[in-house]
Every structure is written in C-alpha cells, then in structure tokens.
Amino acid sequence: MTATASVSVDPITVEVIGSSFASIAEEMGEALVKASYSTNIKERRDCSTALFDVEGQTLCQAEHIPMHLGSFIGIIPHILKRHSVAEMKPGDVFIG
C-alpha cells in the first residue's frame, strides 16, 4: 500500500509534464522503428510504446498501434514480479 500525499500542482505544470511524457513515448516508438530489423515494425510501424510508474500504472502511451496497449496491462505485473523496483536503475528497459 502506498501513502498518498495531497499535492497541489498548477495546470501549466501538469500540461508541461504530460506533454513531456507524451514526447518521450513517441520518441521511444521512433527509436524502436529505426532500430528494428522486423518488417512489421520497420515498415508497417506495427508496435506500441508507453511509460509506466513504479506501481505499473500507465503514465502515457504513444499513438502507434493502440491495439497493443491493452497487453501492457498484463505485462507490467509480470515484469514487477521478476524485477524488484529497488533493483531497477536509471536506463533499465523492459521489452515485452
């Protein structure tokens, strides 16, 4: 169980953070397409990317193939079972 603190954030800050997350997710998708050897990903852009918090909740998802995004909900709990948040380091990436 996590403690929830009441924090007031102004709407401009919320928009800046949200736009930053969206940009990160979109850039992750572009990097995936550019680095891929798969025809499905490289030419058809048949992939999706998203950002999650340490509890596995979706922060942002890129506008690639939305059909994939539902599978993220099932993948994140499995990643968190195998890799503890305490052991994760900046730069760690999980591909499902």
C-alpha atoms as a PDB file:
ATOM      1  CA  MET A   1       0.000   0.000   0.000  1.00  0.00           C
ATOM      2  CA  THR A   2       1.329   3.444  -0.829  1.00  0.00           C
ATOM      3  CA  ALA A   3       0.779   6.654   1.053  1.00  0.00           C
ATOM      4  CA  THR A   4      -0.883   9.389  -0.933  1.00  0.00           C
ATOM      5  CA  ALA A   5       0.063  12.976  -0.230  1.00  0.00           C
ATOM      6  CA  SER A   6      -2.161  15.829  -1.226  1.00  0.00           C
ATOM      7  CA  VAL A   7      -0.109  17.986  -3.558  1.00  0.00           C
ATOM      8  CA  SER A   8      -1.441  20.951  -5.462  1.00  0.00           C
ATOM      9  CA  VAL A   9       0.051  21.342  -8.933  1.00  0.00           C
ATOM     10  CA  ASP A  10      -0.922  24.177 -11.219  1.00  0.00           C
ATOM     11  CA  PRO A  11      -2.473  23.344 -14.632  1.00  0.00           C
ATOM     12  CA  ILE A  12       0.527  24.653 -16.578  1.00  0.00           C
ATOM     13  CA  THR A  13       2.913  22.318 -14.768  1.00  0.00           C
ATOM     14  CA  VAL A  14       0.535  19.392 -15.342  1.00  0.00           C
ATOM     15  CA  GLU A  15       0.437  20.186 -19.076  1.00  0.00           C
ATOM     16  CA  VAL A  16       4.229  20.534 -19.329  1.00  0.00           C
ATOM     17  CA  ILE A  17       4.785  17.198 -17.560  1.00  0.00           C
ATOM     18  CA  GLY A  18       2.072  15.473 -19.607  1.00  0.00           C
ATOM     19  CA  SER A  19       3.499  16.788 -22.871  1.00  0.00           C
ATOM     20  CA  SER A  20       6.976  15.682 -21.829  1.00  0.00           C
ATOM     21  CA  PHE A  21       5.723  12.152 -21.126  1.00  0.00           C
ATOM     22  CA  ALA A  22       3.910  12.065 -24.485  1.00  0.00           C
ATOM     23  CA  SER A  23       7.065  13.215 -26.257  1.00  0.00           C
ATOM     24  CA  ILE A  24       9.145  10.532 -24.530  1.00  0.00           C
ATOM     25  CA  ALA A  25       6.690   7.786 -25.509  1.00  0.00           C
ATOM     26  CA  GLU A  26       6.604   8.997 -29.139  1.00  0.00           C
ATOM     27  CA  GLU A  27      10.412   9.193 -29.306  1.00  0.00           C
ATOM     28  CA  MET A  28      10.670   5.666 -27.861  1.00  0.00           C
ATOM     29  CA  GLY A  29       8.435   4.465 -30.698  1.00  0.00           C
ATOM     30  CA  GLU A  30      10.512   6.230 -33.344  1.00  0.00           C
ATOM     31  CA  ALA A  31      13.721   4.759 -31.903  1.00  0.00           C
ATOM     32  CA  LEU A  32      12.137   1.301 -31.929  1.00  0.00           C
ATOM     33  CA  VAL A  33      11.129   1.680 -35.598  1.00  0.00           C
ATOM     34  CA  LYS A  34      14.573   2.950 -36.639  1.00  0.00           C
ATOM     35  CA  ALA A  35      16.461   0.206 -34.764  1.00  0.00           C
ATOM     36  CA  SER A  36      14.199  -2.667 -35.763  1.00  0.00           C
ATOM     37  CA  TYR A  37      15.043  -5.452 -38.201  1.00  0.00           C
ATOM     38  CA  SER A  38      11.420  -6.623 -38.240  1.00  0.00           C
ATOM     39  CA  THR A  39       9.439  -5.712 -41.355  1.00  0.00           C
ATOM     40  CA  ASN A  40       6.312  -5.469 -39.238  1.00  0.00           C
ATOM     41  CA  ILE A  41       7.863  -2.812 -37.061  1.00  0.00           C
ATOM     42  CA  LYS A  42      10.134  -1.048 -39.553  1.00  0.00           C
ATOM     43  CA  GLU A  43       7.735  -0.739 -42.492  1.00  0.00           C
ATOM     44  CA  ARG A  44       4.273  -1.254 -41.047  1.00  0.00           C
ATOM     45  CA  ARG A  45       5.074   0.506 -37.747  1.00  0.00           C
ATOM     46  CA  ASP A  46       3.233  -2.322 -36.005  1.00  0.00           C
ATOM     47  CA  CYS A  47       4.399  -1.514 -32.472  1.00  0.00           C
ATOM     48  CA  SER A  48       3.458   0.480 -29.388  1.00  0.00           C
ATOM     49  CA  THR A  49       5.305   2.222 -26.579  1.00  0.00           C
ATOM     50  CA  ALA A  50       4.213   3.513 -23.175  1.00  0.00           C
ATOM     51  CA  LEU A  51       5.544   4.844 -19.878  1.00  0.00           C
ATOM     52  CA  PHE A  52       4.539   3.382 -16.507  1.00  0.00           C
ATOM     53  CA  ASP A  53       5.124   4.382 -12.899  1.00  0.00           C
ATOM     54  CA  VAL A  54       6.744   2.076 -10.315  1.00  0.00           C
ATOM     55  CA  GLU A  55       3.339   0.601  -9.459  1.00  0.00           C
ATOM     56  CA  GLY A  56       2.673  -0.349 -13.082  1.00  0.00           C
ATOM     57  CA  GLN A  57       0.107   2.360 -13.774  1.00  0.00           C
ATOM     58  CA  THR A  58       0.135   3.871 -17.266  1.00  0.00           C
ATOM     59  CA  LEU A  59       1.530   7.394 -17.372  1.00  0.00           C
ATOM     60  CA  CYS A  60       1.463   7.887 -21.128  1.00  0.00           C
ATOM     61  CA  GLN A  61       1.223   5.891 -24.334  1.00  0.00           C
ATOM     62  CA  ALA A  62       2.350   6.761 -27.828  1.00  0.00           C
ATOM     63  CA  GLU A  63      -0.103   6.924 -30.703  1.00  0.00           C
ATOM     64  CA  HIS A  64       1.180   3.946 -32.654  1.00  0.00           C
ATOM     65  CA  ILE A  65      -0.966   0.801 -32.686  1.00  0.00           C
ATOM     66  CA  PRO A  66      -3.465   1.178 -29.798  1.00  0.00           C
ATOM     67  CA  MET A  67      -4.448  -2.493 -30.024  1.00  0.00           C
ATOM     68  CA  HIS A  68      -1.149  -3.448 -28.343  1.00  0.00           C
ATOM     69  CA  LEU A  69      -1.628  -1.153 -25.392  1.00  0.00           C
ATOM     70  CA  GLY A  70      -4.127  -3.440 -23.673  1.00  0.00           C
ATOM     71  CA  SER A  71      -1.452  -6.123 -23.444  1.00  0.00           C
ATOM     72  CA  PHE A  72       0.778  -3.769 -21.434  1.00  0.00           C
ATOM     73  CA  ILE A  73      -1.629  -4.099 -18.521  1.00  0.00           C
ATOM     74  CA  GLY A  74      -0.805  -7.807 -18.294  1.00  0.00           C
ATOM     75  CA  ILE A  75       2.917  -7.494 -18.963  1.00  0.00           C
ATOM     76  CA  ILE A  76       3.758  -4.951 -16.263  1.00  0.00           C
ATOM     77  CA  PRO A  77       2.746  -7.157 -13.281  1.00  0.00           C
ATOM     78  CA  HIS A  78       4.955  -9.954 -14.665  1.00  0.00           C
ATOM     79  CA  ILE A  79       7.913  -7.599 -15.022  1.00  0.00           C
ATOM     80  CA  LEU A  80       7.400  -6.367 -11.450  1.00  0.00           C
ATOM     81  CA  LYS A  81       7.291  -9.986 -10.185  1.00  0.00           C
ATOM     82  CA  ARG A  82      10.656 -10.792 -11.791  1.00  0.00           C
ATOM     83  CA  HIS A  83      12.436  -7.475 -11.229  1.00  0.00           C
ATOM     84  CA  SER A  84      12.062  -5.606  -7.966  1.00  0.00           C
ATOM     85  CA  VAL A  85      11.725  -1.846  -8.200  1.00  0.00           C
ATOM     86  CA  ALA A  86      14.522  -1.489  -5.638  1.00  0.00           C
ATOM     87  CA  GLU A  87      16.954  -3.213  -8.042  1.00  0.00           C
ATOM     88  CA  MET A  88      15.958  -1.178 -11.118  1.00  0.00           C
ATOM     89  CA  LYS A  89      18.379   1.507 -12.204  1.00  0.00           C
ATOM     90  CA  PRO A  90      18.028   4.549 -14.470  1.00  0.00           C
ATOM     91  CA  GLY A  91      18.294   3.403 -18.065  1.00  0.00           C
ATOM     92  CA  ASP A  92      16.777  -0.056 -17.480  1.00  0.00           C
ATOM     93  CA  VAL A  93      14.422  -1.035 -20.306  1.00  0.00           C
ATOM     94  CA  PHE A  94      11.919  -3.879 -20.428  1.00  0.00           C
ATOM     95  CA  ILE A  95      10.610  -5.109 -23.749  1.00  0.00           C
ATOM     96  CA  GLY A  96       7.529  -7.307 -23.848  1.00  0.00           C
END
